[in-house]
Amino acid sequence: MEIIKLKEEFIKLGQALKAAGLVDSGVDAKFVIQNGEVKVNGTVETQRGKKLYGGEIIEFEGQQIKIEA
């Protein structure tokens, strides 16, 4: 499981996917999120701008990313 440490209060979902290296660009993030391929805390999330806070888990293509405050 990859861990992303927050530098601010939150990180947006699209930014988190890019930071973890799971997508190459914001455009790629937009498409995989809109296509329902990304889960946040076990639920499909379709909002690229969804704010993620410490303790949340992202799932994409069998990979997990944990957001830490």
PDB file of N, CA and C in Angstrom:
ATOM      1  N   MET A   1       0.855  -1.188   0.000  1.00  0.00           N
ATOM      2  CA  MET A   1       0.000   0.000   0.000  1.00  0.00           C
ATOM      3  C   MET A   1       0.894   1.242   0.000  1.00  0.00           C
ATOM      4  N   GLU A   2       0.625   2.123  -0.923  1.00  0.00           N
ATOM      5  CA  GLU A   2       1.355   3.395  -1.000  1.00  0.00           C
ATOM      6  C   GLU A   2       0.736   4.383  -0.013  1.00  0.00           C
ATOM      7  N   ILE A   3       1.572   5.256   0.524  1.00  0.00           N
ATOM      8  CA  ILE A   3       1.090   6.260   1.471  1.00  0.00           C
ATOM      9  C   ILE A   3       1.409   7.648   0.922  1.00  0.00           C
ATOM     10  N   ILE A   4       0.414   8.517   0.967  1.00  0.00           N
ATOM     11  CA  ILE A   4       0.609   9.918   0.581  1.00  0.00           C
ATOM     12  C   ILE A   4       0.446  10.759   1.844  1.00  0.00           C
ATOM     13  N   LYS A   5       1.492  11.503   2.173  1.00  0.00           N
ATOM     14  CA  LYS A   5       1.450  12.386   3.330  1.00  0.00           C
ATOM     15  C   LYS A   5       0.887  13.731   2.895  1.00  0.00           C
ATOM     16  N   LEU A   6      -0.108  14.209   3.602  1.00  0.00           N
ATOM     17  CA  LEU A   6      -0.709  15.503   3.280  1.00  0.00           C
ATOM     18  C   LEU A   6       0.227  16.643   3.673  1.00  0.00           C
ATOM     19  N   LYS A   7       0.393  17.589   2.768  1.00  0.00           N
ATOM     20  CA  LYS A   7       1.153  18.790   3.070  1.00  0.00           C
ATOM     21  C   LYS A   7       0.212  19.908   3.498  1.00  0.00           C
ATOM     22  N   GLU A   8      -1.044  19.759   3.107  1.00  0.00           N
ATOM     23  CA  GLU A   8      -2.086  20.717   3.471  1.00  0.00           C
ATOM     24  C   GLU A   8      -3.211  19.954   4.164  1.00  0.00           C
ATOM     25  N   GLU A   9      -4.350  20.582   4.334  1.00  0.00           N
ATOM     26  CA  GLU A   9      -5.471  19.958   5.034  1.00  0.00           C
ATOM     27  C   GLU A   9      -6.049  18.774   4.260  1.00  0.00           C
ATOM     28  N   PHE A  10      -6.025  18.855   2.920  1.00  0.00           N
ATOM     29  CA  PHE A  10      -6.599  17.794   2.091  1.00  0.00           C
ATOM     30  C   PHE A  10      -5.857  17.732   0.760  1.00  0.00           C
ATOM     31  N   ILE A  11      -6.135  16.667  -0.004  1.00  0.00           N
ATOM     32  CA  ILE A  11      -5.651  16.545  -1.378  1.00  0.00           C
ATOM     33  C   ILE A  11      -6.847  16.110  -2.214  1.00  0.00           C
ATOM     34  N   LYS A  12      -6.919  16.596  -3.439  1.00  0.00           N
ATOM     35  CA  LYS A  12      -8.024  16.202  -4.316  1.00  0.00           C
ATOM     36  C   LYS A  12      -7.715  14.839  -4.932  1.00  0.00           C
ATOM     37  N   LEU A  13      -8.766  14.104  -5.241  1.00  0.00           N
ATOM     38  CA  LEU A  13      -8.632  12.739  -5.737  1.00  0.00           C
ATOM     39  C   LEU A  13      -7.731  12.653  -6.970  1.00  0.00           C
ATOM     40  N   GLY A  14      -7.954  13.509  -7.957  1.00  0.00           N
ATOM     41  CA  GLY A  14      -7.138  13.486  -9.165  1.00  0.00           C
ATOM     42  C   GLY A  14      -5.666  13.736  -8.858  1.00  0.00           C
ATOM     43  N   GLN A  15      -5.395  14.651  -7.943  1.00  0.00           N
ATOM     44  CA  GLN A  15      -4.018  14.963  -7.553  1.00  0.00           C
ATOM     45  C   GLN A  15      -3.377  13.774  -6.844  1.00  0.00           C
ATOM     46  N   ALA A  16      -4.165  13.074  -6.033  1.00  0.00           N
ATOM     47  CA  ALA A  16      -3.636  11.919  -5.299  1.00  0.00           C
ATOM     48  C   ALA A  16      -3.248  10.803  -6.270  1.00  0.00           C
ATOM     49  N   LEU A  17      -4.055  10.566  -7.291  1.00  0.00           N
ATOM     50  CA  LEU A  17      -3.729   9.537  -8.278  1.00  0.00           C
ATOM     51  C   LEU A  17      -2.430   9.885  -9.005  1.00  0.00           C
ATOM     52  N   LYS A  18      -2.273  11.170  -9.334  1.00  0.00           N
ATOM     53  CA  LYS A  18      -1.038  11.609  -9.992  1.00  0.00           C
ATOM     54  C   LYS A  18       0.155  11.493  -9.051  1.00  0.00           C
ATOM     55  N   ALA A  19      -0.012  11.908  -7.815  1.00  0.00           N
ATOM     56  CA  ALA A  19       1.083  11.869  -6.838  1.00  0.00           C
ATOM     57  C   ALA A  19       1.564  10.442  -6.590  1.00  0.00           C
ATOM     58  N   ALA A  20       0.647   9.489  -6.655  1.00  0.00           N
ATOM     59  CA  ALA A  20       1.009   8.085  -6.434  1.00  0.00           C
ATOM     60  C   ALA A  20       1.576   7.435  -7.686  1.00  0.00           C
ATOM     61  N   GLY A  21       1.545   8.151  -8.812  1.00  0.00           N
ATOM     62  CA  GLY A  21       2.080   7.622 -10.058  1.00  0.00           C
ATOM     63  C   GLY A  21       1.166   6.612 -10.742  1.00  0.00           C
ATOM     64  N   LEU A  22      -0.117   6.617 -10.379  1.00  0.00           N
ATOM     65  CA  LEU A  22      -1.066   5.670 -10.972  1.00  0.00           C
ATOM     66  C   LEU A  22      -1.625   6.167 -12.300  1.00  0.00           C
ATOM     67  N   VAL A  23      -1.529   7.466 -12.542  1.00  0.00           N
ATOM     68  CA  VAL A  23      -1.908   8.047 -13.834  1.00  0.00           C
ATOM     69  C   VAL A  23      -0.817   9.033 -14.219  1.00  0.00           C
ATOM     70  N   ASP A  24      -0.705   9.298 -15.509  1.00  0.00           N
ATOM     71  CA  ASP A  24       0.348  10.178 -16.001  1.00  0.00           C
ATOM     72  C   ASP A  24      -0.021  11.654 -15.956  1.00  0.00           C
ATOM     73  N   SER A  25      -1.326  11.949 -16.038  1.00  0.00           N
ATOM     74  CA  SER A  25      -1.726  13.353 -16.106  1.00  0.00           C
ATOM     75  C   SER A  25      -3.096  13.553 -15.472  1.00  0.00           C
ATOM     76  N   GLY A  26      -3.445  14.814 -15.301  1.00  0.00           N
ATOM     77  CA  GLY A  26      -4.759  15.156 -14.778  1.00  0.00           C
ATOM     78  C   GLY A  26      -5.873  14.692 -15.702  1.00  0.00           C
ATOM     79  N   VAL A  27      -5.597  14.710 -17.003  1.00  0.00           N
ATOM     80  CA  VAL A  27      -6.595  14.266 -17.984  1.00  0.00           C
ATOM     81  C   VAL A  27      -6.852  12.766 -17.806  1.00  0.00           C
ATOM     82  N   ASP A  28      -5.777  11.989 -17.635  1.00  0.00           N
ATOM     83  CA  ASP A  28      -5.937  10.551 -17.398  1.00  0.00           C
ATOM     84  C   ASP A  28      -6.733  10.306 -16.120  1.00  0.00           C
ATOM     85  N   ALA A  29      -6.419  11.070 -15.072  1.00  0.00           N
ATOM     86  CA  ALA A  29      -7.138  10.935 -13.804  1.00  0.00           C
ATOM     87  C   ALA A  29      -8.622  11.217 -14.006  1.00  0.00           C
ATOM     88  N   LYS A  30      -8.919  12.260 -14.743  1.00  0.00           N
ATOM     89  CA  LYS A  30     -10.310  12.632 -15.001  1.00  0.00           C
ATOM     90  C   LYS A  30     -11.069  11.473 -15.637  1.00  0.00           C
ATOM     91  N   PHE A  31     -10.476  10.836 -16.651  1.00  0.00           N
ATOM     92  CA  PHE A  31     -11.171   9.761 -17.360  1.00  0.00           C
ATOM     93  C   PHE A  31     -11.380   8.531 -16.485  1.00  0.00           C
ATOM     94  N   VAL A  32     -10.353   8.096 -15.748  1.00  0.00           N
ATOM     95  CA  VAL A  32     -10.529   6.883 -14.937  1.00  0.00           C
ATOM     96  C   VAL A  32     -11.522   7.121 -13.804  1.00  0.00           C
ATOM     97  N   ILE A  33     -11.537   8.344 -13.272  1.00  0.00           N
ATOM     98  CA  ILE A  33     -12.495   8.666 -12.201  1.00  0.00           C
ATOM     99  C   ILE A  33     -13.911   8.720 -12.772  1.00  0.00           C
ATOM    100  N   GLN A  34     -14.100   9.420 -13.892  1.00  0.00           N
ATOM    101  CA  GLN A  34     -15.430   9.518 -14.498  1.00  0.00           C
ATOM    102  C   GLN A  34     -15.959   8.161 -14.961  1.00  0.00           C
ATOM    103  N   ASN A  35     -15.047   7.241 -15.322  1.00  0.00           N
ATOM    104  CA  ASN A  35     -15.461   5.910 -15.766  1.00  0.00           C
ATOM    105  C   ASN A  35     -15.785   4.979 -14.605  1.00  0.00           C
ATOM    106  N   GLY A  36     -15.688   5.472 -13.371  1.00  0.00           N
ATOM    107  CA  GLY A  36     -16.040   4.666 -12.212  1.00  0.00           C
ATOM    108  C   GLY A  36     -14.997   3.623 -11.857  1.00  0.00           C
ATOM    109  N   GLU A  37     -13.734   3.860 -12.226  1.00  0.00           N
ATOM    110  CA  GLU A  37     -12.670   2.893 -11.967  1.00  0.00           C
ATOM    111  C   GLU A  37     -11.966   3.116 -10.628  1.00  0.00           C
ATOM    112  N   VAL A  38     -12.332   4.177  -9.911  1.00  0.00           N
ATOM    113  CA  VAL A  38     -11.645   4.528  -8.669  1.00  0.00           C
ATOM    114  C   VAL A  38     -12.625   4.446  -7.497  1.00  0.00           C
ATOM    115  N   LYS A  39     -12.146   3.847  -6.409  1.00  0.00           N
ATOM    116  CA  LYS A  39     -12.955   3.777  -5.190  1.00  0.00           C
ATOM    117  C   LYS A  39     -12.269   4.577  -4.090  1.00  0.00           C
ATOM    118  N   VAL A  40     -13.089   5.226  -3.270  1.00  0.00           N
ATOM    119  CA  VAL A  40     -12.596   5.910  -2.078  1.00  0.00           C
ATOM    120  C   VAL A  40     -13.333   5.287  -0.905  1.00  0.00           C
ATOM    121  N   ASN A  41     -12.583   4.722   0.021  1.00  0.00           N
ATOM    122  CA  ASN A  41     -13.162   4.045   1.189  1.00  0.00           C
ATOM    123  C   ASN A  41     -14.174   2.978   0.774  1.00  0.00           C
ATOM    124  N   GLY A  42     -13.873   2.257  -0.322  1.00  0.00           N
ATOM    125  CA  GLY A  42     -14.705   1.142  -0.759  1.00  0.00           C
ATOM    126  C   GLY A  42     -15.900   1.507  -1.624  1.00  0.00           C
ATOM    127  N   THR A  43     -16.102   2.799  -1.901  1.00  0.00           N
ATOM    128  CA  THR A  43     -17.232   3.257  -2.694  1.00  0.00           C
ATOM    129  C   THR A  43     -16.738   3.927  -3.970  1.00  0.00           C
ATOM    130  N   VAL A  44     -17.344   3.602  -5.106  1.00  0.00           N
ATOM    131  CA  VAL A  44     -16.944   4.224  -6.368  1.00  0.00           C
ATOM    132  C   VAL A  44     -17.130   5.733  -6.262  1.00  0.00           C
ATOM    133  N   GLU A  45     -16.111   6.475  -6.685  1.00  0.00           N
ATOM    134  CA  GLU A  45     -16.141   7.939  -6.639  1.00  0.00           C
ATOM    135  C   GLU A  45     -15.959   8.477  -8.045  1.00  0.00           C
ATOM    136  N   THR A  46     -16.856   9.380  -8.461  1.00  0.00           N
ATOM    137  CA  THR A  46     -16.786   9.930  -9.814  1.00  0.00           C
ATOM    138  C   THR A  46     -16.449  11.421  -9.833  1.00  0.00           C
ATOM    139  N   GLN A  47     -16.136  11.997  -8.689  1.00  0.00           N
ATOM    140  CA  GLN A  47     -15.783  13.418  -8.621  1.00  0.00           C
ATOM    141  C   GLN A  47     -14.263  13.568  -8.528  1.00  0.00           C
ATOM    142  N   ARG A  48     -13.665  14.107  -9.564  1.00  0.00           N
ATOM    143  CA  ARG A  48     -12.211  14.287  -9.588  1.00  0.00           C
ATOM    144  C   ARG A  48     -11.758  15.221  -8.478  1.00  0.00           C
ATOM    145  N   GLY A  49     -12.578  16.199  -8.142  1.00  0.00           N
ATOM    146  CA  GLY A  49     -12.213  17.190  -7.135  1.00  0.00           C
ATOM    147  C   GLY A  49     -12.560  16.790  -5.716  1.00  0.00           C
ATOM    148  N   LYS A  50     -12.968  15.548  -5.501  1.00  0.00           N
ATOM    149  CA  LYS A  50     -13.314  15.080  -4.150  1.00  0.00           C
ATOM    150  C   LYS A  50     -12.132  15.318  -3.224  1.00  0.00           C
ATOM    151  N   LYS A  51     -12.395  15.965  -2.089  1.00  0.00           N
ATOM    152  CA  LYS A  51     -11.336  16.266  -1.125  1.00  0.00           C
ATOM    153  C   LYS A  51     -11.108  15.048  -0.237  1.00  0.00           C
ATOM    154  N   LEU A  52      -9.840  14.667  -0.122  1.00  0.00           N
ATOM    155  CA  LEU A  52      -9.466  13.516   0.694  1.00  0.00           C
ATOM    156  C   LEU A  52      -8.677  13.996   1.902  1.00  0.00           C
ATOM    157  N   TYR A  53      -9.006  13.436   3.053  1.00  0.00           N
ATOM    158  CA  TYR A  53      -8.359  13.803   4.305  1.00  0.00           C
ATOM    159  C   TYR A  53      -7.631  12.590   4.877  1.00  0.00           C
ATOM    160  N   GLY A  54      -6.869  12.795   5.937  1.00  0.00           N
ATOM    161  CA  GLY A  54      -6.118  11.708   6.555  1.00  0.00           C
ATOM    162  C   GLY A  54      -6.998  10.515   6.901  1.00  0.00           C
ATOM    163  N   GLY A  55      -6.489   9.312   6.645  1.00  0.00           N
ATOM    164  CA  GLY A  55      -7.192   8.082   6.977  1.00  0.00           C
ATOM    165  C   GLY A  55      -7.993   7.488   5.836  1.00  0.00           C
ATOM    166  N   GLU A  56      -8.155   8.223   4.748  1.00  0.00           N
ATOM    167  CA  GLU A  56      -8.957   7.708   3.632  1.00  0.00           C
ATOM    168  C   GLU A  56      -8.102   6.800   2.742  1.00  0.00           C
ATOM    169  N   ILE A  57      -8.768   5.836   2.102  1.00  0.00           N
ATOM    170  CA  ILE A  57      -8.101   4.852   1.251  1.00  0.00           C
ATOM    171  C   ILE A  57      -8.652   4.956  -0.168  1.00  0.00           C
ATOM    172  N   ILE A  58      -7.741   5.024  -1.143  1.00  0.00           N
ATOM    173  CA  ILE A  58      -8.117   5.045  -2.555  1.00  0.00           C
ATOM    174  C   ILE A  58      -7.757   3.680  -3.138  1.00  0.00           C
ATOM    175  N   GLU A  59      -8.622   3.154  -4.002  1.00  0.00           N
ATOM    176  CA  GLU A  59      -8.329   1.909  -4.707  1.00  0.00           C
ATOM    177  C   GLU A  59      -8.443   2.149  -6.210  1.00  0.00           C
ATOM    178  N   PHE A  60      -7.441   1.672  -6.945  1.00  0.00           N
ATOM    179  CA  PHE A  60      -7.442   1.801  -8.402  1.00  0.00           C
ATOM    180  C   PHE A  60      -6.560   0.708  -8.990  1.00  0.00           C
ATOM    181  N   GLU A  61      -7.113  -0.072  -9.913  1.00  0.00           N
ATOM    182  CA  GLU A  61      -6.395  -1.146 -10.604  1.00  0.00           C
ATOM    183  C   GLU A  61      -5.650  -2.054  -9.640  1.00  0.00           C
ATOM    184  N   GLY A  62      -6.317  -2.449  -8.559  1.00  0.00           N
ATOM    185  CA  GLY A  62      -5.727  -3.370  -7.598  1.00  0.00           C
ATOM    186  C   GLY A  62      -4.710  -2.743  -6.652  1.00  0.00           C
ATOM    187  N   GLN A  63      -4.466  -1.459  -6.791  1.00  0.00           N
ATOM    188  CA  GLN A  63      -3.522  -0.747  -5.923  1.00  0.00           C
ATOM    189  C   GLN A  63      -4.303   0.016  -4.865  1.00  0.00           C
ATOM    190  N   GLN A  64      -3.703   0.158  -3.696  1.00  0.00           N
ATOM    191  CA  GLN A  64      -4.312   0.966  -2.639  1.00  0.00           C
ATOM    192  C   GLN A  64      -3.371   2.086  -2.243  1.00  0.00           C
ATOM    193  N   ILE A  65      -3.971   3.228  -1.959  1.00  0.00           N
ATOM    194  CA  ILE A  65      -3.214   4.392  -1.510  1.00  0.00           C
ATOM    195  C   ILE A  65      -3.891   4.866  -0.232  1.00  0.00           C
ATOM    196  N   LYS A  66      -3.099   5.081   0.794  1.00  0.00           N
ATOM    197  CA  LYS A  66      -3.622   5.610   2.057  1.00  0.00           C
ATOM    198  C   LYS A  66      -3.194   7.070   2.186  1.00  0.00           C
ATOM    199  N   ILE A  67      -4.141   7.897   2.557  1.00  0.00           N
ATOM    200  CA  ILE A  67      -3.868   9.314   2.791  1.00  0.00           C
ATOM    201  C   ILE A  67      -3.567   9.482   4.278  1.00  0.00           C
ATOM    202  N   GLU A  68      -2.427  10.084   4.575  1.00  0.00           N
ATOM    203  CA  GLU A  68      -2.058  10.317   5.973  1.00  0.00           C
ATOM    204  C   GLU A  68      -1.920  11.810   6.231  1.00  0.00           C
ATOM    205  N   ALA A  69      -2.433  12.225   7.385  1.00  0.00           N
ATOM    206  CA  ALA A  69      -2.370  13.635   7.773  1.00  0.00           C
ATOM    207  C   ALA A  69      -0.977  13.989   8.239  1.00  0.00           C
TER     208      ALA A  69
END
